[in-house]
Amino acid sequence: MKISVIIAVMHMSMGICVKGLNALYFNQKIVFWTEVVTGLIIFLCLFGWMDVLIIIKWFYELNPYSTDAAMQTKIN
């Protein structure tokens, strides 16, 4: 499920980039700045950050039910 979210964000980002290339090719600078640049900023701030958190969670080892003190994270 998490990998599908990451792939979907990459796929949609590529679509926005292709729209940007089309806007530059057809010399539509207003479309480029108002739709493409702002769309990428908003999209990647929301969903890109979610992808970063998913990847961090994969590499952060946490088992709160373990009796090993090295495995537990101190909350205090």
PDB file of N, CA and C in Angstrom:
ATOM      1  N   MET A   1       0.822  -1.181   0.000  1.00  0.00           N
ATOM      2  CA  MET A   1       0.000   0.000   0.000  1.00  0.00           C
ATOM      3  C   MET A   1       0.876   1.259   0.000  1.00  0.00           C
ATOM      4  N   LYS A   2       1.937   1.238   0.777  1.00  0.00           N
ATOM      5  CA  LYS A   2       2.801   2.411   0.859  1.00  0.00           C
ATOM      6  C   LYS A   2       3.587   2.621  -0.432  1.00  0.00           C
ATOM      7  N   ILE A   3       4.006   1.529  -1.038  1.00  0.00           N
ATOM      8  CA  ILE A   3       4.755   1.647  -2.287  1.00  0.00           C
ATOM      9  C   ILE A   3       3.854   2.207  -3.384  1.00  0.00           C
ATOM     10  N   SER A   4       2.583   1.828  -3.373  1.00  0.00           N
ATOM     11  CA  SER A   4       1.674   2.352  -4.392  1.00  0.00           C
ATOM     12  C   SER A   4       1.472   3.854  -4.232  1.00  0.00           C
ATOM     13  N   VAL A   5       1.492   4.352  -3.000  1.00  0.00           N
ATOM     14  CA  VAL A   5       1.393   5.801  -2.771  1.00  0.00           C
ATOM     15  C   VAL A   5       2.628   6.505  -3.317  1.00  0.00           C
ATOM     16  N   ILE A   6       3.788   5.941  -3.072  1.00  0.00           N
ATOM     17  CA  ILE A   6       5.036   6.550  -3.559  1.00  0.00           C
ATOM     18  C   ILE A   6       5.061   6.553  -5.088  1.00  0.00           C
ATOM     19  N   ILE A   7       4.666   5.462  -5.702  1.00  0.00           N
ATOM     20  CA  ILE A   7       4.640   5.390  -7.169  1.00  0.00           C
ATOM     21  C   ILE A   7       3.626   6.379  -7.732  1.00  0.00           C
ATOM     22  N   ALA A   8       2.478   6.501  -7.076  1.00  0.00           N
ATOM     23  CA  ALA A   8       1.453   7.437  -7.549  1.00  0.00           C
ATOM     24  C   ALA A   8       1.940   8.882  -7.479  1.00  0.00           C
ATOM     25  N   VAL A   9       2.641   9.240  -6.413  1.00  0.00           N
ATOM     26  CA  VAL A   9       3.169  10.606  -6.293  1.00  0.00           C
ATOM     27  C   VAL A   9       4.217  10.865  -7.376  1.00  0.00           C
ATOM     28  N   MET A  10       5.070   9.885  -7.638  1.00  0.00           N
ATOM     29  CA  MET A  10       6.063  10.062  -8.708  1.00  0.00           C
ATOM     30  C   MET A  10       5.377  10.200 -10.066  1.00  0.00           C
ATOM     31  N   HIS A  11       4.362   9.400 -10.295  1.00  0.00           N
ATOM     32  CA  HIS A  11       3.641   9.429 -11.577  1.00  0.00           C
ATOM     33  C   HIS A  11       2.938  10.768 -11.779  1.00  0.00           C
ATOM     34  N   MET A  12       2.279  11.259 -10.749  1.00  0.00           N
ATOM     35  CA  MET A  12       1.581  12.540 -10.873  1.00  0.00           C
ATOM     36  C   MET A  12       2.567  13.697 -10.998  1.00  0.00           C
ATOM     37  N   SER A  13       3.719  13.599 -10.339  1.00  0.00           N
ATOM     38  CA  SER A  13       4.751  14.638 -10.481  1.00  0.00           C
ATOM     39  C   SER A  13       5.289  14.676 -11.902  1.00  0.00           C
ATOM     40  N   MET A  14       5.473  13.496 -12.489  1.00  0.00           N
ATOM     41  CA  MET A  14       5.928  13.458 -13.878  1.00  0.00           C
ATOM     42  C   MET A  14       4.888  14.073 -14.808  1.00  0.00           C
ATOM     43  N   GLY A  15       3.614  13.851 -14.524  1.00  0.00           N
ATOM     44  CA  GLY A  15       2.556  14.448 -15.333  1.00  0.00           C
ATOM     45  C   GLY A  15       2.569  15.960 -15.256  1.00  0.00           C
ATOM     46  N   ILE A  16       2.805  16.500 -14.067  1.00  0.00           N
ATOM     47  CA  ILE A  16       2.883  17.956 -13.928  1.00  0.00           C
ATOM     48  C   ILE A  16       4.110  18.494 -14.663  1.00  0.00           C
ATOM     49  N   CYS A  17       5.214  17.755 -14.610  1.00  0.00           N
ATOM     50  CA  CYS A  17       6.420  18.190 -15.327  1.00  0.00           C
ATOM     51  C   CYS A  17       6.206  18.168 -16.844  1.00  0.00           C
ATOM     52  N   VAL A  18       5.501  17.169 -17.354  1.00  0.00           N
ATOM     53  CA  VAL A  18       5.196  17.122 -18.787  1.00  0.00           C
ATOM     54  C   VAL A  18       4.297  18.291 -19.173  1.00  0.00           C
ATOM     55  N   LYS A  19       3.346  18.623 -18.308  1.00  0.00           N
ATOM     56  CA  LYS A  19       2.503  19.789 -18.572  1.00  0.00           C
ATOM     57  C   LYS A  19       3.360  21.053 -18.626  1.00  0.00           C
ATOM     58  N   GLY A  20       4.379  21.121 -17.766  1.00  0.00           N
ATOM     59  CA  GLY A  20       5.289  22.260 -17.783  1.00  0.00           C
ATOM     60  C   GLY A  20       6.093  22.326 -19.065  1.00  0.00           C
ATOM     61  N   LEU A  21       6.547  21.175 -19.543  1.00  0.00           N
ATOM     62  CA  LEU A  21       7.285  21.150 -20.805  1.00  0.00           C
ATOM     63  C   LEU A  21       6.397  21.582 -21.970  1.00  0.00           C
ATOM     64  N   ASN A  22       5.145  21.143 -21.955  1.00  0.00           N
ATOM     65  CA  ASN A  22       4.205  21.570 -22.996  1.00  0.00           C
ATOM     66  C   ASN A  22       3.952  23.073 -22.925  1.00  0.00           C
ATOM     67  N   ALA A  23       3.825  23.596 -21.712  1.00  0.00           N
ATOM     68  CA  ALA A  23       3.590  25.036 -21.562  1.00  0.00           C
ATOM     69  C   ALA A  23       4.783  25.830 -22.082  1.00  0.00           C
ATOM     70  N   LEU A  24       5.985  25.352 -21.823  1.00  0.00           N
ATOM     71  CA  LEU A  24       7.172  26.046 -22.339  1.00  0.00           C
ATOM     72  C   LEU A  24       7.270  25.919 -23.856  1.00  0.00           C
ATOM     73  N   TYR A  25       6.927  24.749 -24.392  1.00  0.00           N
ATOM     74  CA  TYR A  25       6.995  24.538 -25.835  1.00  0.00           C
ATOM     75  C   TYR A  25       6.009  25.450 -26.577  1.00  0.00           C
ATOM     76  N   PHE A  26       4.810  25.607 -26.029  1.00  0.00           N
ATOM     77  CA  PHE A  26       3.790  26.438 -26.667  1.00  0.00           C
ATOM     78  C   PHE A  26       3.843  27.881 -26.188  1.00  0.00           C
ATOM     79  N   ASN A  27       4.893  28.219 -25.451  1.00  0.00           N
ATOM     80  CA  ASN A  27       5.156  29.590 -24.994  1.00  0.00           C
ATOM     81  C   ASN A  27       3.993  30.144 -24.152  1.00  0.00           C
ATOM     82  N   GLN A  28       3.510  29.331 -23.242  1.00  0.00           N
ATOM     83  CA  GLN A  28       2.444  29.729 -22.323  1.00  0.00           C
ATOM     84  C   GLN A  28       3.049  29.944 -20.935  1.00  0.00           C
ATOM     85  N   LYS A  29       3.695  31.082 -20.771  1.00  0.00           N
ATOM     86  CA  LYS A  29       4.418  31.348 -19.534  1.00  0.00           C
ATOM     87  C   LYS A  29       3.491  31.523 -18.328  1.00  0.00           C
ATOM     88  N   ILE A  30       2.302  32.073 -18.558  1.00  0.00           N
ATOM     89  CA  ILE A  30       1.351  32.241 -17.450  1.00  0.00           C
ATOM     90  C   ILE A  30       0.889  30.879 -16.936  1.00  0.00           C
ATOM     91  N   VAL A  31       0.618  29.957 -17.855  1.00  0.00           N
ATOM     92  CA  VAL A  31       0.226  28.601 -17.457  1.00  0.00           C
ATOM     93  C   VAL A  31       1.365  27.930 -16.704  1.00  0.00           C
ATOM     94  N   PHE A  32       2.577  28.133 -17.185  1.00  0.00           N
ATOM     95  CA  PHE A  32       3.728  27.515 -16.524  1.00  0.00           C
ATOM     96  C   PHE A  32       3.850  27.982 -15.083  1.00  0.00           C
ATOM     97  N   TRP A  33       3.790  29.279 -14.846  1.00  0.00           N
ATOM     98  CA  TRP A  33       3.985  29.791 -13.488  1.00  0.00           C
ATOM     99  C   TRP A  33       2.772  29.575 -12.595  1.00  0.00           C
ATOM    100  N   THR A  34       1.564  29.733 -13.124  1.00  0.00           N
ATOM    101  CA  THR A  34       0.384  29.640 -12.263  1.00  0.00           C
ATOM    102  C   THR A  34      -0.076  28.211 -12.024  1.00  0.00           C
ATOM    103  N   GLU A  35       0.086  27.336 -12.989  1.00  0.00           N
ATOM    104  CA  GLU A  35      -0.397  25.972 -12.823  1.00  0.00           C
ATOM    105  C   GLU A  35       0.714  24.981 -12.508  1.00  0.00           C
ATOM    106  N   VAL A  36       1.804  25.063 -13.239  1.00  0.00           N
ATOM    107  CA  VAL A  36       2.835  24.039 -13.103  1.00  0.00           C
ATOM    108  C   VAL A  36       3.686  24.267 -11.863  1.00  0.00           C
ATOM    109  N   VAL A  37       4.260  25.435 -11.733  1.00  0.00           N
ATOM    110  CA  VAL A  37       5.163  25.693 -10.603  1.00  0.00           C
ATOM    111  C   VAL A  37       4.401  25.657  -9.283  1.00  0.00           C
ATOM    112  N   THR A  38       3.278  26.367  -9.224  1.00  0.00           N
ATOM    113  CA  THR A  38       2.517  26.350  -7.977  1.00  0.00           C
ATOM    114  C   THR A  38       1.922  24.970  -7.700  1.00  0.00           C
ATOM    115  N   GLY A  39       1.525  24.263  -8.741  1.00  0.00           N
ATOM    116  CA  GLY A  39       1.012  22.908  -8.552  1.00  0.00           C
ATOM    117  C   GLY A  39       2.063  21.967  -8.001  1.00  0.00           C
ATOM    118  N   LEU A  40       3.278  22.058  -8.518  1.00  0.00           N
ATOM    119  CA  LEU A  40       4.356  21.213  -8.001  1.00  0.00           C
ATOM    120  C   LEU A  40       4.692  21.558  -6.558  1.00  0.00           C
ATOM    121  N   ILE A  41       4.726  22.840  -6.246  1.00  0.00           N
ATOM    122  CA  ILE A  41       5.052  23.238  -4.872  1.00  0.00           C
ATOM    123  C   ILE A  41       4.009  22.698  -3.902  1.00  0.00           C
ATOM    124  N   ILE A  42       2.750  22.918  -4.202  1.00  0.00           N
ATOM    125  CA  ILE A  42       1.692  22.458  -3.303  1.00  0.00           C
ATOM    126  C   ILE A  42       1.640  20.932  -3.237  1.00  0.00           C
ATOM    127  N   PHE A  43       1.718  20.281  -4.388  1.00  0.00           N
ATOM    128  CA  PHE A  43       1.626  18.823  -4.441  1.00  0.00           C
ATOM    129  C   PHE A  43       2.779  18.165  -3.691  1.00  0.00           C
ATOM    130  N   LEU A  44       4.000  18.643  -3.938  1.00  0.00           N
ATOM    131  CA  LEU A  44       5.148  18.013  -3.295  1.00  0.00           C
ATOM    132  C   LEU A  44       5.261  18.370  -1.821  1.00  0.00           C
ATOM    133  N   CYS A  45       4.760  19.527  -1.437  1.00  0.00           N
ATOM    134  CA  CYS A  45       4.772  19.848  -0.006  1.00  0.00           C
ATOM    135  C   CYS A  45       3.819  18.941   0.762  1.00  0.00           C
ATOM    136  N   LEU A  46       2.671  18.654   0.195  1.00  0.00           N
ATOM    137  CA  LEU A  46       1.709  17.797   0.888  1.00  0.00           C
ATOM    138  C   LEU A  46       2.070  16.311   0.771  1.00  0.00           C
ATOM    139  N   PHE A  47       2.146  15.822  -0.458  1.00  0.00           N
ATOM    140  CA  PHE A  47       2.322  14.391  -0.653  1.00  0.00           C
ATOM    141  C   PHE A  47       3.789  13.972  -0.698  1.00  0.00           C
ATOM    142  N   GLY A  48       4.667  14.863  -1.097  1.00  0.00           N
ATOM    143  CA  GLY A  48       6.088  14.552  -1.055  1.00  0.00           C
ATOM    144  C   GLY A  48       6.570  14.374   0.371  1.00  0.00           C
ATOM    145  N   TRP A  49       6.069  15.217   1.273  1.00  0.00           N
ATOM    146  CA  TRP A  49       6.420  15.084   2.682  1.00  0.00           C
ATOM    147  C   TRP A  49       5.883  13.765   3.241  1.00  0.00           C
ATOM    148  N   MET A  50       4.691  13.365   2.815  1.00  0.00           N
ATOM    149  CA  MET A  50       4.136  12.090   3.248  1.00  0.00           C
ATOM    150  C   MET A  50       5.023  10.936   2.778  1.00  0.00           C
ATOM    151  N   ASP A  51       5.535  11.017   1.559  1.00  0.00           N
ATOM    152  CA  ASP A  51       6.441   9.981   1.062  1.00  0.00           C
ATOM    153  C   ASP A  51       7.742   9.942   1.853  1.00  0.00           C
ATOM    154  N   VAL A  52       8.255  11.107   2.205  1.00  0.00           N
ATOM    155  CA  VAL A  52       9.480  11.160   3.019  1.00  0.00           C
ATOM    156  C   VAL A  52       9.231  10.487   4.370  1.00  0.00           C
ATOM    157  N   LEU A  53       8.087  10.753   4.971  1.00  0.00           N
ATOM    158  CA  LEU A  53       7.767  10.136   6.257  1.00  0.00           C
ATOM    159  C   LEU A  53       7.601   8.626   6.132  1.00  0.00           C
ATOM    160  N   ILE A  54       7.033   8.158   5.026  1.00  0.00           N
ATOM    161  CA  ILE A  54       6.900   6.713   4.806  1.00  0.00           C
ATOM    162  C   ILE A  54       8.277   6.070   4.712  1.00  0.00           C
ATOM    163  N   ILE A  55       9.173   6.677   3.972  1.00  0.00           N
ATOM    164  CA  ILE A  55      10.522   6.113   3.806  1.00  0.00           C
ATOM    165  C   ILE A  55      11.289   6.150   5.123  1.00  0.00           C
ATOM    166  N   ILE A  56      11.158   7.222   5.885  1.00  0.00           N
ATOM    167  CA  ILE A  56      11.819   7.291   7.195  1.00  0.00           C
ATOM    168  C   ILE A  56      11.287   6.193   8.101  1.00  0.00           C
ATOM    169  N   LYS A  57       9.983   5.952   8.057  1.00  0.00           N
ATOM    170  CA  LYS A  57       9.394   4.913   8.898  1.00  0.00           C
ATOM    171  C   LYS A  57       9.948   3.536   8.551  1.00  0.00           C
ATOM    172  N   TRP A  58      10.266   3.294   7.281  1.00  0.00           N
ATOM    173  CA  TRP A  58      10.842   2.011   6.910  1.00  0.00           C
ATOM    174  C   TRP A  58      12.224   1.809   7.522  1.00  0.00           C
ATOM    175  N   PHE A  59      12.997   2.871   7.668  1.00  0.00           N
ATOM    176  CA  PHE A  59      14.358   2.743   8.163  1.00  0.00           C
ATOM    177  C   PHE A  59      14.485   2.951   9.669  1.00  0.00           C
ATOM    178  N   TYR A  60      13.426   3.398  10.321  1.00  0.00           N
ATOM    179  CA  TYR A  60      13.451   3.647  11.754  1.00  0.00           C
ATOM    180  C   TYR A  60      12.919   2.418  12.462  1.00  0.00           C
ATOM    181  N   GLU A  61      13.783   1.754  13.208  1.00  0.00           N
ATOM    182  CA  GLU A  61      13.397   0.510  13.850  1.00  0.00           C
ATOM    183  C   GLU A  61      12.775   0.819  15.210  1.00  0.00           C
ATOM    184  N   LEU A  62      11.536   0.408  15.389  1.00  0.00           N
ATOM    185  CA  LEU A  62      10.833   0.663  16.641  1.00  0.00           C
ATOM    186  C   LEU A  62       9.938  -0.518  16.956  1.00  0.00           C
ATOM    187  N   ASN A  63      10.125  -1.044  18.134  1.00  0.00           N
ATOM    188  CA  ASN A  63       9.267  -2.116  18.625  1.00  0.00           C
ATOM    189  C   ASN A  63       8.894  -1.779  20.059  1.00  0.00           C
ATOM    190  N   PRO A  64       7.759  -1.141  20.281  1.00  0.00           N
ATOM    191  CA  PRO A  64       7.411  -0.709  21.637  1.00  0.00           C
ATOM    192  C   PRO A  64       7.104  -1.864  22.579  1.00  0.00           C
ATOM    193  N   TYR A  65       6.885  -3.064  22.064  1.00  0.00           N
ATOM    194  CA  TYR A  65       6.561  -4.207  22.911  1.00  0.00           C
ATOM    195  C   TYR A  65       7.782  -5.040  23.268  1.00  0.00           C
ATOM    196  N   SER A  66       8.937  -4.617  22.829  1.00  0.00           N
ATOM    197  CA  SER A  66      10.152  -5.356  23.116  1.00  0.00           C
ATOM    198  C   SER A  66      10.599  -5.108  24.547  1.00  0.00           C
ATOM    199  N   THR A  67      11.241  -6.116  25.160  1.00  0.00           N
ATOM    200  CA  THR A  67      11.798  -5.945  26.505  1.00  0.00           C
ATOM    201  C   THR A  67      13.242  -5.468  26.453  1.00  0.00           C
ATOM    202  N   ASP A  68      13.800  -5.403  25.263  1.00  0.00           N
ATOM    203  CA  ASP A  68      15.175  -4.923  25.098  1.00  0.00           C
ATOM    204  C   ASP A  68      15.177  -3.395  25.185  1.00  0.00           C
ATOM    205  N   ALA A  69      15.965  -2.853  26.095  1.00  0.00           N
ATOM    206  CA  ALA A  69      15.985  -1.387  26.291  1.00  0.00           C
ATOM    207  C   ALA A  69      16.561  -0.661  25.094  1.00  0.00           C
ATOM    208  N   ALA A  70      17.420  -1.305  24.321  1.00  0.00           N
ATOM    209  CA  ALA A  70      18.023  -0.646  23.159  1.00  0.00           C
ATOM    210  C   ALA A  70      17.011  -0.481  22.033  1.00  0.00           C
ATOM    211  N   MET A  71      15.953  -1.295  22.029  1.00  0.00           N
ATOM    212  CA  MET A  71      14.942  -1.226  20.981  1.00  0.00           C
ATOM    213  C   MET A  71      13.909  -0.149  21.258  1.00  0.00           C
ATOM    214  N   GLN A  72      13.707   0.220  22.485  1.00  0.00           N
ATOM    215  CA  GLN A  72      12.662   1.153  22.856  1.00  0.00           C
ATOM    216  C   GLN A  72      13.158   2.582  22.725  1.00  0.00           C
ATOM    217  N   THR A  73      12.267   3.464  22.381  1.00  0.00           N
ATOM    218  CA  THR A  73      12.599   4.878  22.267  1.00  0.00           C
ATOM    219  C   THR A  73      12.037   5.615  23.471  1.00  0.00           C
ATOM    220  N   LYS A  74      12.853   6.449  24.066  1.00  0.00           N
ATOM    221  CA  LYS A  74      12.381   7.219  25.214  1.00  0.00           C
ATOM    222  C   LYS A  74      11.502   8.350  24.722  1.00  0.00           C
ATOM    223  N   ILE A  75      10.353   8.466  25.301  1.00  0.00           N
ATOM    224  CA  ILE A  75       9.418   9.536  24.921  1.00  0.00           C
ATOM    225  C   ILE A  75       9.652  10.758  25.807  1.00  0.00           C
ATOM    226  N   ASN A  76      10.104  10.563  27.018  1.00  0.00           N
ATOM    227  CA  ASN A  76      10.304  11.701  27.950  1.00  0.00           C
ATOM    228  C   ASN A  76      11.398  12.588  27.484  1.00  0.00           C
TER     229      ASN A  76
END
